[in-house]
Amino acid sequence: MAVELVESPNGRMVEVQVTGKLSKEDYEHFVPRTEELMQNGKVRILFSMHEFSGWEMGALWEDIKFDIKHFKDIDRLAMVGDKKWEHGMAMFCKPFTTAKLQYFDQSEIDQARAWLAED
């Protein structure tokens, strides 16, 4: 599994780029920095899934805890993927956040970034 965290210069937008299968250790990599950014207000997140195969059980639990804790801390969430089930997952996530959520195909990643940057 590879996770890369890319922050915008203003610290209000973060891209989480994932490949493979998420592990609990992956959450220990990107959650603390994301929570630091949230201390200054709501953030916008681009969650990019490339050749993504889901979560290990421990990672799924970490994801649920993060979603509950930060229910109101995300302004917009763009989910970018390349598989039909990832689109379904994005729709499944809507009740667990107050964020505006939109799914984009990998070919539309620039549109996802533009949508996140809108006022």
PDB file of N, CA and C in Angstrom:
ATOM      1  N   MET A   1       0.845  -1.188   0.000  1.00  0.00           N
ATOM      2  CA  MET A   1       0.000   0.000   0.000  1.00  0.00           C
ATOM      3  C   MET A   1       0.870   1.223   0.000  1.00  0.00           C
ATOM      4  N   ALA A   2       0.490   2.180  -0.766  1.00  0.00           N
ATOM      5  CA  ALA A   2       1.185   3.462  -0.787  1.00  0.00           C
ATOM      6  C   ALA A   2       0.169   4.567  -0.530  1.00  0.00           C
ATOM      7  N   VAL A   3       0.509   5.456   0.388  1.00  0.00           N
ATOM      8  CA  VAL A   3      -0.312   6.628   0.664  1.00  0.00           C
ATOM      9  C   VAL A   3       0.585   7.838   0.532  1.00  0.00           C
ATOM     10  N   GLU A   4       0.108   8.808  -0.212  1.00  0.00           N
ATOM     11  CA  GLU A   4       0.840  10.060  -0.336  1.00  0.00           C
ATOM     12  C   GLU A   4      -0.104  11.188   0.031  1.00  0.00           C
ATOM     13  N   LEU A   5       0.391  12.116   0.832  1.00  0.00           N
ATOM     14  CA  LEU A   5      -0.386  13.264   1.271  1.00  0.00           C
ATOM     15  C   LEU A   5       0.206  14.503   0.624  1.00  0.00           C
ATOM     16  N   VAL A   6      -0.629  15.258  -0.091  1.00  0.00           N
ATOM     17  CA  VAL A   6      -0.181  16.471  -0.760  1.00  0.00           C
ATOM     18  C   VAL A   6      -1.061  17.615  -0.267  1.00  0.00           C
ATOM     19  N   GLU A   7      -0.436  18.618   0.369  1.00  0.00           N
ATOM     20  CA  GLU A   7      -1.175  19.759   0.904  1.00  0.00           C
ATOM     21  C   GLU A   7      -1.129  20.930  -0.064  1.00  0.00           C
ATOM     22  N   SER A   8      -2.204  21.702  -0.074  1.00  0.00           N
ATOM     23  CA  SER A   8      -2.193  22.938  -0.847  1.00  0.00           C
ATOM     24  C   SER A   8      -1.365  23.970  -0.074  1.00  0.00           C
ATOM     25  N   PRO A   9      -0.847  24.977  -0.758  1.00  0.00           N
ATOM     26  CA  PRO A   9      -0.037  25.994  -0.064  1.00  0.00           C
ATOM     27  C   PRO A   9      -0.782  26.718   1.057  1.00  0.00           C
ATOM     28  N   ASN A  10      -2.106  26.871   0.935  1.00  0.00           N
ATOM     29  CA  ASN A  10      -2.860  27.573   1.977  1.00  0.00           C
ATOM     30  C   ASN A  10      -3.275  26.663   3.129  1.00  0.00           C
ATOM     31  N   GLY A  11      -3.007  25.357   3.022  1.00  0.00           N
ATOM     32  CA  GLY A  11      -3.312  24.428   4.101  1.00  0.00           C
ATOM     33  C   GLY A  11      -4.779  24.104   4.268  1.00  0.00           C
ATOM     34  N   ARG A  12      -5.619  24.500   3.334  1.00  0.00           N
ATOM     35  CA  ARG A  12      -7.061  24.242   3.445  1.00  0.00           C
ATOM     36  C   ARG A  12      -7.513  23.066   2.582  1.00  0.00           C
ATOM     37  N   MET A  13      -6.624  22.593   1.727  1.00  0.00           N
ATOM     38  CA  MET A  13      -6.968  21.484   0.851  1.00  0.00           C
ATOM     39  C   MET A  13      -5.851  20.451   0.921  1.00  0.00           C
ATOM     40  N   VAL A  14      -6.249  19.188   0.964  1.00  0.00           N
ATOM     41  CA  VAL A  14      -5.270  18.106   1.034  1.00  0.00           C
ATOM     42  C   VAL A  14      -5.699  16.988   0.087  1.00  0.00           C
ATOM     43  N   GLU A  15      -4.716  16.441  -0.606  1.00  0.00           N
ATOM     44  CA  GLU A  15      -4.958  15.281  -1.458  1.00  0.00           C
ATOM     45  C   GLU A  15      -4.379  14.055  -0.758  1.00  0.00           C
ATOM     46  N   VAL A  16      -5.209  13.034  -0.643  1.00  0.00           N
ATOM     47  CA  VAL A  16      -4.770  11.749  -0.116  1.00  0.00           C
ATOM     48  C   VAL A  16      -4.796  10.793  -1.306  1.00  0.00           C
ATOM     49  N   GLN A  17      -3.629  10.392  -1.756  1.00  0.00           N
ATOM     50  CA  GLN A  17      -3.519   9.519  -2.918  1.00  0.00           C
ATOM     51  C   GLN A  17      -3.199   8.111  -2.432  1.00  0.00           C
ATOM     52  N   VAL A  18      -4.078   7.165  -2.757  1.00  0.00           N
ATOM     53  CA  VAL A  18      -3.907   5.791  -2.269  1.00  0.00           C
ATOM     54  C   VAL A  18      -3.870   4.799  -3.427  1.00  0.00           C
ATOM     55  N   THR A  19      -3.059   3.764  -3.245  1.00  0.00           N
ATOM     56  CA  THR A  19      -3.027   2.632  -4.162  1.00  0.00           C
ATOM     57  C   THR A  19      -2.984   1.365  -3.320  1.00  0.00           C
ATOM     58  N   GLY A  20      -3.451   0.266  -3.868  1.00  0.00           N
ATOM     59  CA  GLY A  20      -3.417  -0.995  -3.144  1.00  0.00           C
ATOM     60  C   GLY A  20      -4.500  -1.075  -2.095  1.00  0.00           C
ATOM     61  N   LYS A  21      -4.168  -1.635  -0.940  1.00  0.00           N
ATOM     62  CA  LYS A  21      -5.127  -1.843   0.140  1.00  0.00           C
ATOM     63  C   LYS A  21      -4.693  -1.026   1.359  1.00  0.00           C
ATOM     64  N   LEU A  22      -5.618  -0.223   1.915  1.00  0.00           N
ATOM     65  CA  LEU A  22      -5.313   0.600   3.085  1.00  0.00           C
ATOM     66  C   LEU A  22      -5.152  -0.262   4.332  1.00  0.00           C
ATOM     67  N   SER A  23      -4.126   0.054   5.119  1.00  0.00           N
ATOM     68  CA  SER A  23      -3.885  -0.625   6.396  1.00  0.00           C
ATOM     69  C   SER A  23      -4.057   0.376   7.539  1.00  0.00           C
ATOM     70  N   LYS A  24      -4.123  -0.142   8.747  1.00  0.00           N
ATOM     71  CA  LYS A  24      -4.214   0.717   9.927  1.00  0.00           C
ATOM     72  C   LYS A  24      -3.008   1.654   9.978  1.00  0.00           C
ATOM     73  N   GLU A  25      -1.839   1.164   9.620  1.00  0.00           N
ATOM     74  CA  GLU A  25      -0.615   1.965   9.630  1.00  0.00           C
ATOM     75  C   GLU A  25      -0.701   3.129   8.646  1.00  0.00           C
ATOM     76  N   ASP A  26      -1.405   2.946   7.551  1.00  0.00           N
ATOM     77  CA  ASP A  26      -1.579   4.039   6.594  1.00  0.00           C
ATOM     78  C   ASP A  26      -2.339   5.197   7.229  1.00  0.00           C
ATOM     79  N   TYR A  27      -3.331   4.892   8.046  1.00  0.00           N
ATOM     80  CA  TYR A  27      -4.082   5.939   8.737  1.00  0.00           C
ATOM     81  C   TYR A  27      -3.187   6.682   9.718  1.00  0.00           C
ATOM     82  N   GLU A  28      -2.262   5.969  10.345  1.00  0.00           N
ATOM     83  CA  GLU A  28      -1.321   6.614  11.261  1.00  0.00           C
ATOM     84  C   GLU A  28      -0.405   7.575  10.522  1.00  0.00           C
ATOM     85  N   HIS A  29      -0.292   7.394   9.210  1.00  0.00           N
ATOM     86  CA  HIS A  29       0.543   8.271   8.377  1.00  0.00           C
ATOM     87  C   HIS A  29      -0.179   9.576   8.027  1.00  0.00           C
ATOM     88  N   PHE A  30      -1.427   9.490   7.576  1.00  0.00           N
ATOM     89  CA  PHE A  30      -2.052  10.712   7.077  1.00  0.00           C
ATOM     90  C   PHE A  30      -3.088  11.353   8.002  1.00  0.00           C
ATOM     91  N   VAL A  31      -3.648  10.634   8.955  1.00  0.00           N
ATOM     92  CA  VAL A  31      -4.661  11.221   9.831  1.00  0.00           C
ATOM     93  C   VAL A  31      -4.093  12.318  10.735  1.00  0.00           C
ATOM     94  N   PRO A  32      -2.954  12.124  11.403  1.00  0.00           N
ATOM     95  CA  PRO A  32      -2.468  13.194  12.285  1.00  0.00           C
ATOM     96  C   PRO A  32      -2.263  14.537  11.565  1.00  0.00           C
ATOM     97  N   ARG A  33      -1.699  14.504  10.366  1.00  0.00           N
ATOM     98  CA  ARG A  33      -1.473  15.759   9.643  1.00  0.00           C
ATOM     99  C   ARG A  33      -2.801  16.375   9.203  1.00  0.00           C
ATOM    100  N   THR A  34      -3.731  15.567   8.775  1.00  0.00           N
ATOM    101  CA  THR A  34      -5.045  16.074   8.383  1.00  0.00           C
ATOM    102  C   THR A  34      -5.749  16.706   9.581  1.00  0.00           C
ATOM    103  N   GLU A  35      -5.638  16.069  10.745  1.00  0.00           N
ATOM    104  CA  GLU A  35      -6.253  16.634  11.948  1.00  0.00           C
ATOM    105  C   GLU A  35      -5.583  17.942  12.356  1.00  0.00           C
ATOM    106  N   GLU A  36      -4.290  18.076  12.145  1.00  0.00           N
ATOM    107  CA  GLU A  36      -3.614  19.354  12.406  1.00  0.00           C
ATOM    108  C   GLU A  36      -4.208  20.457  11.546  1.00  0.00           C
ATOM    109  N   LEU A  37      -4.437  20.166  10.284  1.00  0.00           N
ATOM    110  CA  LEU A  37      -5.022  21.159   9.377  1.00  0.00           C
ATOM    111  C   LEU A  37      -6.435  21.530   9.818  1.00  0.00           C
ATOM    112  N   MET A  38      -7.176  20.576  10.353  1.00  0.00           N
ATOM    113  CA  MET A  38      -8.547  20.820  10.792  1.00  0.00           C
ATOM    114  C   MET A  38      -8.624  21.727  12.011  1.00  0.00           C
ATOM    115  N   GLN A  39      -7.534  21.877  12.732  1.00  0.00           N
ATOM    116  CA  GLN A  39      -7.533  22.752  13.902  1.00  0.00           C
ATOM    117  C   GLN A  39      -7.759  24.206  13.509  1.00  0.00           C
ATOM    118  N   ASN A  40      -7.504  24.549  12.258  1.00  0.00           N
ATOM    119  CA  ASN A  40      -7.681  25.919  11.777  1.00  0.00           C
ATOM    120  C   ASN A  40      -8.988  26.099  11.017  1.00  0.00           C
ATOM    121  N   GLY A  41      -9.869  25.124  11.066  1.00  0.00           N
ATOM    122  CA  GLY A  41     -11.150  25.210  10.373  1.00  0.00           C
ATOM    123  C   GLY A  41     -11.356  24.035   9.427  1.00  0.00           C
ATOM    124  N   LYS A  42     -12.476  24.091   8.723  1.00  0.00           N
ATOM    125  CA  LYS A  42     -12.828  23.002   7.805  1.00  0.00           C
ATOM    126  C   LYS A  42     -11.804  22.884   6.682  1.00  0.00           C
ATOM    127  N   VAL A  43     -11.617  21.655   6.221  1.00  0.00           N
ATOM    128  CA  VAL A  43     -10.695  21.385   5.118  1.00  0.00           C
ATOM    129  C   VAL A  43     -11.474  20.790   3.943  1.00  0.00           C
ATOM    130  N   ARG A  44     -10.804  20.786   2.814  1.00  0.00           N
ATOM    131  CA  ARG A  44     -11.328  20.139   1.615  1.00  0.00           C
ATOM    132  C   ARG A  44     -10.361  19.018   1.265  1.00  0.00           C
ATOM    133  N   ILE A  45     -10.919  17.856   0.960  1.00  0.00           N
ATOM    134  CA  ILE A  45     -10.087  16.673   0.737  1.00  0.00           C
ATOM    135  C   ILE A  45     -10.374  16.073  -0.635  1.00  0.00           C
ATOM    136  N   LEU A  46      -9.303  15.754  -1.338  1.00  0.00           N
ATOM    137  CA  LEU A  46      -9.386  14.961  -2.557  1.00  0.00           C
ATOM    138  C   LEU A  46      -8.831  13.583  -2.198  1.00  0.00           C
ATOM    139  N   PHE A  47      -9.669  12.577  -2.271  1.00  0.00           N
ATOM    140  CA  PHE A  47      -9.278  11.204  -1.959  1.00  0.00           C
ATOM    141  C   PHE A  47      -9.164  10.467  -3.278  1.00  0.00           C
ATOM    142  N   SER A  48      -7.936  10.276  -3.747  1.00  0.00           N
ATOM    143  CA  SER A  48      -7.673   9.699  -5.055  1.00  0.00           C
ATOM    144  C   SER A  48      -7.304   8.228  -4.926  1.00  0.00           C
ATOM    145  N   MET A  49      -8.108   7.377  -5.567  1.00  0.00           N
ATOM    146  CA  MET A  49      -7.911   5.927  -5.503  1.00  0.00           C
ATOM    147  C   MET A  49      -7.432   5.444  -6.865  1.00  0.00           C
ATOM    148  N   HIS A  50      -6.212   4.959  -6.927  1.00  0.00           N
ATOM    149  CA  HIS A  50      -5.659   4.438  -8.176  1.00  0.00           C
ATOM    150  C   HIS A  50      -5.218   2.997  -7.917  1.00  0.00           C
ATOM    151  N   GLU A  51      -5.799   2.063  -8.662  1.00  0.00           N
ATOM    152  CA  GLU A  51      -5.555   0.640  -8.425  1.00  0.00           C
ATOM    153  C   GLU A  51      -5.800   0.297  -6.958  1.00  0.00           C
ATOM    154  N   PHE A  52      -6.879   0.855  -6.421  1.00  0.00           N
ATOM    155  CA  PHE A  52      -7.255   0.709  -5.023  1.00  0.00           C
ATOM    156  C   PHE A  52      -8.046  -0.579  -4.845  1.00  0.00           C
ATOM    157  N   SER A  53      -7.730  -1.333  -3.777  1.00  0.00           N
ATOM    158  CA  SER A  53      -8.431  -2.600  -3.550  1.00  0.00           C
ATOM    159  C   SER A  53      -9.136  -2.663  -2.205  1.00  0.00           C
ATOM    160  N   GLY A  54      -9.328  -1.513  -1.542  1.00  0.00           N
ATOM    161  CA  GLY A  54     -10.121  -1.493  -0.321  1.00  0.00           C
ATOM    162  C   GLY A  54      -9.312  -1.342   0.952  1.00  0.00           C
ATOM    163  N   TRP A  55      -9.902  -1.823   2.042  1.00  0.00           N
ATOM    164  CA  TRP A  55      -9.340  -1.654   3.370  1.00  0.00           C
ATOM    165  C   TRP A  55      -9.104  -2.995   4.049  1.00  0.00           C
ATOM    166  N   GLU A  56      -8.016  -3.086   4.806  1.00  0.00           N
ATOM    167  CA  GLU A  56      -7.867  -4.188   5.751  1.00  0.00           C
ATOM    168  C   GLU A  56      -8.830  -3.904   6.899  1.00  0.00           C
ATOM    169  N   MET A  57      -9.159  -4.897   7.694  1.00  0.00           N
ATOM    170  CA  MET A  57     -10.145  -4.728   8.755  1.00  0.00           C
ATOM    171  C   MET A  57      -9.759  -3.612   9.732  1.00  0.00           C
ATOM    172  N   GLY A  58      -8.501  -3.564  10.156  1.00  0.00           N
ATOM    173  CA  GLY A  58      -8.054  -2.515  11.077  1.00  0.00           C
ATOM    174  C   GLY A  58      -8.175  -1.130  10.465  1.00  0.00           C
ATOM    175  N   ALA A  59      -7.945  -1.031   9.172  1.00  0.00           N
ATOM    176  CA  ALA A  59      -8.049   0.246   8.474  1.00  0.00           C
ATOM    177  C   ALA A  59      -9.507   0.683   8.369  1.00  0.00           C
ATOM    178  N   LEU A  60     -10.392  -0.265   8.158  1.00  0.00           N
ATOM    179  CA  LEU A  60     -11.812   0.067   8.079  1.00  0.00           C
ATOM    180  C   LEU A  60     -12.291   0.658   9.402  1.00  0.00           C
ATOM    181  N   TRP A  61     -11.839   0.103  10.504  1.00  0.00           N
ATOM    182  CA  TRP A  61     -12.182   0.628  11.822  1.00  0.00           C
ATOM    183  C   TRP A  61     -11.621   2.044  11.992  1.00  0.00           C
ATOM    184  N   GLU A  62     -10.383   2.283  11.563  1.00  0.00           N
ATOM    185  CA  GLU A  62      -9.784   3.617  11.639  1.00  0.00           C
ATOM    186  C   GLU A  62     -10.581   4.609  10.801  1.00  0.00           C
ATOM    187  N   ASP A  63     -11.057   4.172   9.649  1.00  0.00           N
ATOM    188  CA  ASP A  63     -11.845   5.042   8.781  1.00  0.00           C
ATOM    189  C   ASP A  63     -13.163   5.419   9.448  1.00  0.00           C
ATOM    190  N   ILE A  64     -13.823   4.464  10.065  1.00  0.00           N
ATOM    191  CA  ILE A  64     -15.088   4.732  10.759  1.00  0.00           C
ATOM    192  C   ILE A  64     -14.866   5.721  11.898  1.00  0.00           C
ATOM    193  N   LYS A  65     -13.817   5.516  12.685  1.00  0.00           N
ATOM    194  CA  LYS A  65     -13.515   6.437  13.786  1.00  0.00           C
ATOM    195  C   LYS A  65     -13.247   7.841  13.263  1.00  0.00           C
ATOM    196  N   PHE A  66     -12.492   7.958  12.171  1.00  0.00           N
ATOM    197  CA  PHE A  66     -12.187   9.263  11.580  1.00  0.00           C
ATOM    198  C   PHE A  66     -13.475   9.944  11.123  1.00  0.00           C
ATOM    199  N   ASP A  67     -14.343   9.190  10.445  1.00  0.00           N
ATOM    200  CA  ASP A  67     -15.598   9.757   9.938  1.00  0.00           C
ATOM    201  C   ASP A  67     -16.480  10.274  11.070  1.00  0.00           C
ATOM    202  N   ILE A  68     -16.578   9.526  12.155  1.00  0.00           N
ATOM    203  CA  ILE A  68     -17.402   9.944  13.292  1.00  0.00           C
ATOM    204  C   ILE A  68     -16.807  11.176  13.955  1.00  0.00           C
ATOM    205  N   LYS A  69     -15.519  11.155  14.187  1.00  0.00           N
ATOM    206  CA  LYS A  69     -14.847  12.268  14.867  1.00  0.00           C
ATOM    207  C   LYS A  69     -14.905  13.556  14.052  1.00  0.00           C
ATOM    208  N   HIS A  70     -14.814  13.437  12.736  1.00  0.00           N
ATOM    209  CA  HIS A  70     -14.710  14.629  11.884  1.00  0.00           C
ATOM    210  C   HIS A  70     -15.928  14.813  10.990  1.00  0.00           C
ATOM    211  N   PHE A  71     -17.089  14.425  11.499  1.00  0.00           N
ATOM    212  CA  PHE A  71     -18.348  14.506  10.770  1.00  0.00           C
ATOM    213  C   PHE A  71     -18.567  15.893  10.162  1.00  0.00           C
ATOM    214  N   LYS A  72     -18.186  16.957  10.895  1.00  0.00           N
ATOM    215  CA  LYS A  72     -18.450  18.337  10.459  1.00  0.00           C
ATOM    216  C   LYS A  72     -17.184  19.114  10.098  1.00  0.00           C
ATOM    217  N   ASP A  73     -16.040  18.457  10.034  1.00  0.00           N
ATOM    218  CA  ASP A  73     -14.768  19.164   9.828  1.00  0.00           C
ATOM    219  C   ASP A  73     -14.313  19.222   8.371  1.00  0.00           C
ATOM    220  N   ILE A  74     -15.070  18.607   7.477  1.00  0.00           N
ATOM    221  CA  ILE A  74     -14.696  18.583   6.061  1.00  0.00           C
ATOM    222  C   ILE A  74     -15.750  19.367   5.288  1.00  0.00           C
ATOM    223  N   ASP A  75     -15.297  20.372   4.545  1.00  0.00           N
ATOM    224  CA  ASP A  75     -16.197  21.218   3.770  1.00  0.00           C
ATOM    225  C   ASP A  75     -16.612  20.536   2.470  1.00  0.00           C
ATOM    226  N   ARG A  76     -15.626  20.023   1.737  1.00  0.00           N
ATOM    227  CA  ARG A  76     -15.877  19.317   0.479  1.00  0.00           C
ATOM    228  C   ARG A  76     -14.985  18.095   0.416  1.00  0.00           C
ATOM    229  N   LEU A  77     -15.531  17.038  -0.182  1.00  0.00           N
ATOM    230  CA  LEU A  77     -14.790  15.796  -0.346  1.00  0.00           C
ATOM    231  C   LEU A  77     -14.967  15.314  -1.782  1.00  0.00           C
ATOM    232  N   ALA A  78     -13.871  15.312  -2.522  1.00  0.00           N
ATOM    233  CA  ALA A  78     -13.886  14.791  -3.886  1.00  0.00           C
ATOM    234  C   ALA A  78     -13.257  13.407  -3.855  1.00  0.00           C
ATOM    235  N   MET A  79     -14.001  12.422  -4.294  1.00  0.00           N
ATOM    236  CA  MET A  79     -13.482  11.060  -4.379  1.00  0.00           C
ATOM    237  C   MET A  79     -13.213  10.760  -5.842  1.00  0.00           C
ATOM    238  N   VAL A  80     -11.981  10.369  -6.135  1.00  0.00           N
ATOM    239  CA  VAL A  80     -11.562  10.126  -7.507  1.00  0.00           C
ATOM    240  C   VAL A  80     -11.153   8.663  -7.619  1.00  0.00           C
ATOM    241  N   GLY A  81     -11.769   7.953  -8.565  1.00  0.00           N
ATOM    242  CA  GLY A  81     -11.466   6.531  -8.700  1.00  0.00           C
ATOM    243  C   GLY A  81     -11.533   6.054 -10.132  1.00  0.00           C
ATOM    244  N   ASP A  82     -11.331   4.760 -10.284  1.00  0.00           N
ATOM    245  CA  ASP A  82     -11.343   4.180 -11.627  1.00  0.00           C
ATOM    246  C   ASP A  82     -12.162   2.902 -11.710  1.00  0.00           C
ATOM    247  N   LYS A  83     -12.985   2.647 -10.695  1.00  0.00           N
ATOM    248  CA  LYS A  83     -13.805   1.443 -10.688  1.00  0.00           C
ATOM    249  C   LYS A  83     -15.245   1.791 -10.305  1.00  0.00           C
ATOM    250  N   LYS A  84     -16.171   1.030 -10.832  1.00  0.00           N
ATOM    251  CA  LYS A  84     -17.583   1.287 -10.560  1.00  0.00           C
ATOM    252  C   LYS A  84     -17.901   1.185  -9.063  1.00  0.00           C
ATOM    253  N   TRP A  85     -17.304   0.238  -8.337  1.00  0.00           N
ATOM    254  CA  TRP A  85     -17.611   0.074  -6.919  1.00  0.00           C
ATOM    255  C   TRP A  85     -17.133   1.277  -6.113  1.00  0.00           C
ATOM    256  N   GLU A  86     -16.091   1.972  -6.589  1.00  0.00           N
ATOM    257  CA  GLU A  86     -15.611   3.162  -5.881  1.00  0.00           C
ATOM    258  C   GLU A  86     -16.647   4.285  -5.967  1.00  0.00           C
ATOM    259  N   HIS A  87     -17.334   4.371  -7.097  1.00  0.00           N
ATOM    260  CA  HIS A  87     -18.403   5.352  -7.230  1.00  0.00           C
ATOM    261  C   HIS A  87     -19.527   5.029  -6.241  1.00  0.00           C
ATOM    262  N   GLY A  88     -19.876   3.765  -6.142  1.00  0.00           N
ATOM    263  CA  GLY A  88     -20.894   3.345  -5.186  1.00  0.00           C
ATOM    264  C   GLY A  88     -20.485   3.630  -3.752  1.00  0.00           C
ATOM    265  N   MET A  89     -19.203   3.438  -3.458  1.00  0.00           N
ATOM    266  CA  MET A  89     -18.692   3.724  -2.120  1.00  0.00           C
ATOM    267  C   MET A  89     -18.833   5.212  -1.798  1.00  0.00           C
ATOM    268  N   ALA A  90     -18.588   6.060  -2.768  1.00  0.00           N
ATOM    269  CA  ALA A  90     -18.719   7.499  -2.552  1.00  0.00           C
ATOM    270  C   ALA A  90     -20.162   7.846  -2.191  1.00  0.00           C
ATOM    271  N   MET A  91     -21.115   7.243  -2.860  1.00  0.00           N
ATOM    272  CA  MET A  91     -22.521   7.510  -2.560  1.00  0.00           C
ATOM    273  C   MET A  91     -22.901   6.957  -1.184  1.00  0.00           C
ATOM    274  N   PHE A  92     -22.321   5.824  -0.824  1.00  0.00           N
ATOM    275  CA  PHE A  92     -22.568   5.225   0.489  1.00  0.00           C
ATOM    276  C   PHE A  92     -22.082   6.136   1.614  1.00  0.00           C
ATOM    277  N   CYS A  93     -21.013   6.891   1.376  1.00  0.00           N
ATOM    278  CA  CYS A  93     -20.398   7.741   2.402  1.00  0.00           C
ATOM    279  C   CYS A  93     -21.203   8.995   2.724  1.00  0.00           C
ATOM    280  N   LYS A  94     -22.100   9.421   1.851  1.00  0.00           N
ATOM    281  CA  LYS A  94     -22.808  10.691   2.025  1.00  0.00           C
ATOM    282  C   LYS A  94     -23.466  10.869   3.392  1.00  0.00           C
ATOM    283  N   PRO A  95     -24.141   9.862   3.948  1.00  0.00           N
ATOM    284  CA  PRO A  95     -24.792  10.083   5.248  1.00  0.00           C
ATOM    285  C   PRO A  95     -23.813  10.247   6.418  1.00  0.00           C
ATOM    286  N   PHE A  96     -22.539   9.947   6.203  1.00  0.00           N
ATOM    287  CA  PHE A  96     -21.577   9.966   7.293  1.00  0.00           C
ATOM    288  C   PHE A  96     -20.766  11.244   7.363  1.00  0.00           C
ATOM    289  N   THR A  97     -21.166  12.254   6.601  1.00  0.00           N
ATOM    290  CA  THR A  97     -20.440  13.518   6.610  1.00  0.00           C
ATOM    291  C   THR A  97     -21.383  14.654   6.240  1.00  0.00           C
ATOM    292  N   THR A  98     -21.080  15.846   6.721  1.00  0.00           N
ATOM    293  CA  THR A  98     -21.828  17.024   6.301  1.00  0.00           C
ATOM    294  C   THR A  98     -21.161  17.679   5.095  1.00  0.00           C
ATOM    295  N   ALA A  99     -20.054  17.121   4.650  1.00  0.00           N
ATOM    296  CA  ALA A  99     -19.319  17.666   3.504  1.00  0.00           C
ATOM    297  C   ALA A  99     -20.120  17.525   2.216  1.00  0.00           C
ATOM    298  N   LYS A 100     -19.916  18.477   1.311  1.00  0.00           N
ATOM    299  CA  LYS A 100     -20.395  18.295  -0.048  1.00  0.00           C
ATOM    300  C   LYS A 100     -19.491  17.231  -0.645  1.00  0.00           C
ATOM    301  N   LEU A 101     -20.075  16.191  -1.205  1.00  0.00           N
ATOM    302  CA  LEU A 101     -19.306  15.061  -1.710  1.00  0.00           C
ATOM    303  C   LEU A 101     -19.611  14.847  -3.177  1.00  0.00           C
ATOM    304  N   GLN A 102     -18.553  14.649  -3.954  1.00  0.00           N
ATOM    305  CA  GLN A 102     -18.739  14.376  -5.372  1.00  0.00           C
ATOM    306  C   GLN A 102     -17.706  13.352  -5.820  1.00  0.00           C
ATOM    307  N   TYR A 103     -18.132  12.460  -6.707  1.00  0.00           N
ATOM    308  CA  TYR A 103     -17.252  11.441  -7.272  1.00  0.00           C
ATOM    309  C   TYR A 103     -16.810  11.865  -8.668  1.00  0.00           C
ATOM    310  N   PHE A 104     -15.532  11.601  -8.971  1.00  0.00           N
ATOM    311  CA  PHE A 104     -14.963  11.882 -10.291  1.00  0.00           C
ATOM    312  C   PHE A 104     -14.180  10.653 -10.748  1.00  0.00           C
ATOM    313  N   ASP A 105     -14.180  10.389 -12.046  1.00  0.00           N
ATOM    314  CA  ASP A 105     -13.313   9.351 -12.600  1.00  0.00           C
ATOM    315  C   ASP A 105     -11.883   9.874 -12.619  1.00  0.00           C
ATOM    316  N   GLN A 106     -10.900   8.961 -12.672  1.00  0.00           N
ATOM    317  CA  GLN A 106      -9.488   9.370 -12.693  1.00  0.00           C
ATOM    318  C   GLN A 106      -9.208  10.362 -13.816  1.00  0.00           C
ATOM    319  N   SER A 107      -9.867  10.208 -14.954  1.00  0.00           N
ATOM    320  CA  SER A 107      -9.649  11.119 -16.081  1.00  0.00           C
ATOM    321  C   SER A 107     -10.144  12.530 -15.788  1.00  0.00           C
ATOM    322  N   GLU A 108     -10.920  12.691 -14.706  1.00  0.00           N
ATOM    323  CA  GLU A 108     -11.494  13.989 -14.333  1.00  0.00           C
ATOM    324  C   GLU A 108     -10.828  14.593 -13.094  1.00  0.00           C
ATOM    325  N   ILE A 109      -9.614  14.163 -12.780  1.00  0.00           N
ATOM    326  CA  ILE A 109      -8.977  14.628 -11.545  1.00  0.00           C
ATOM    327  C   ILE A 109      -8.771  16.138 -11.538  1.00  0.00           C
ATOM    328  N   ASP A 110      -8.510  16.739 -12.696  1.00  0.00           N
ATOM    329  CA  ASP A 110      -8.362  18.196 -12.746  1.00  0.00           C
ATOM    330  C   ASP A 110      -9.686  18.897 -12.433  1.00  0.00           C
ATOM    331  N   GLN A 111     -10.800  18.325 -12.892  1.00  0.00           N
ATOM    332  CA  GLN A 111     -12.112  18.885 -12.562  1.00  0.00           C
ATOM    333  C   GLN A 111     -12.387  18.752 -11.063  1.00  0.00           C
ATOM    334  N   ALA A 112     -11.943  17.645 -10.467  1.00  0.00           N
ATOM    335  CA  ALA A 112     -12.123  17.457  -9.020  1.00  0.00           C
ATOM    336  C   ALA A 112     -11.359  18.530  -8.255  1.00  0.00           C
ATOM    337  N   ARG A 113     -10.127  18.800  -8.666  1.00  0.00           N
ATOM    338  CA  ARG A 113      -9.336  19.843  -8.015  1.00  0.00           C
ATOM    339  C   ARG A 113      -9.997  21.211  -8.177  1.00  0.00           C
ATOM    340  N   ALA A 114     -10.525  21.485  -9.363  1.00  0.00           N
ATOM    341  CA  ALA A 114     -11.202  22.769  -9.616  1.00  0.00           C
ATOM    342  C   ALA A 114     -12.467  22.874  -8.745  1.00  0.00           C
ATOM    343  N   TRP A 115     -13.213  21.779  -8.616  1.00  0.00           N
ATOM    344  CA  TRP A 115     -14.425  21.787  -7.789  1.00  0.00           C
ATOM    345  C   TRP A 115     -14.072  22.060  -6.329  1.00  0.00           C
ATOM    346  N   LEU A 116     -12.989  21.478  -5.850  1.00  0.00           N
ATOM    347  CA  LEU A 116     -12.558  21.714  -4.470  1.00  0.00           C
ATOM    348  C   LEU A 116     -12.133  23.165  -4.257  1.00  0.00           C
ATOM    349  N   ALA A 117     -11.571  23.777  -5.276  1.00  0.00           N
ATOM    350  CA  ALA A 117     -11.049  25.142  -5.148  1.00  0.00           C
ATOM    351  C   ALA A 117     -12.121  26.220  -5.265  1.00  0.00           C
ATOM    352  N   GLU A 118     -13.330  25.842  -5.722  1.00  0.00           N
ATOM    353  CA  GLU A 118     -14.416  26.823  -5.870  1.00  0.00           C
ATOM    354  C   GLU A 118     -14.774  27.440  -4.533  1.00  0.00           C
ATOM    355  N   ASP A 119     -15.243  28.691  -4.604  1.00  0.00           N
ATOM    356  CA  ASP A 119     -15.727  29.370  -3.381  1.00  0.00           C
ATOM    357  C   ASP A 119     -17.127  28.970  -3.048  1.00  0.00           C
TER     358      ASP A 119
END
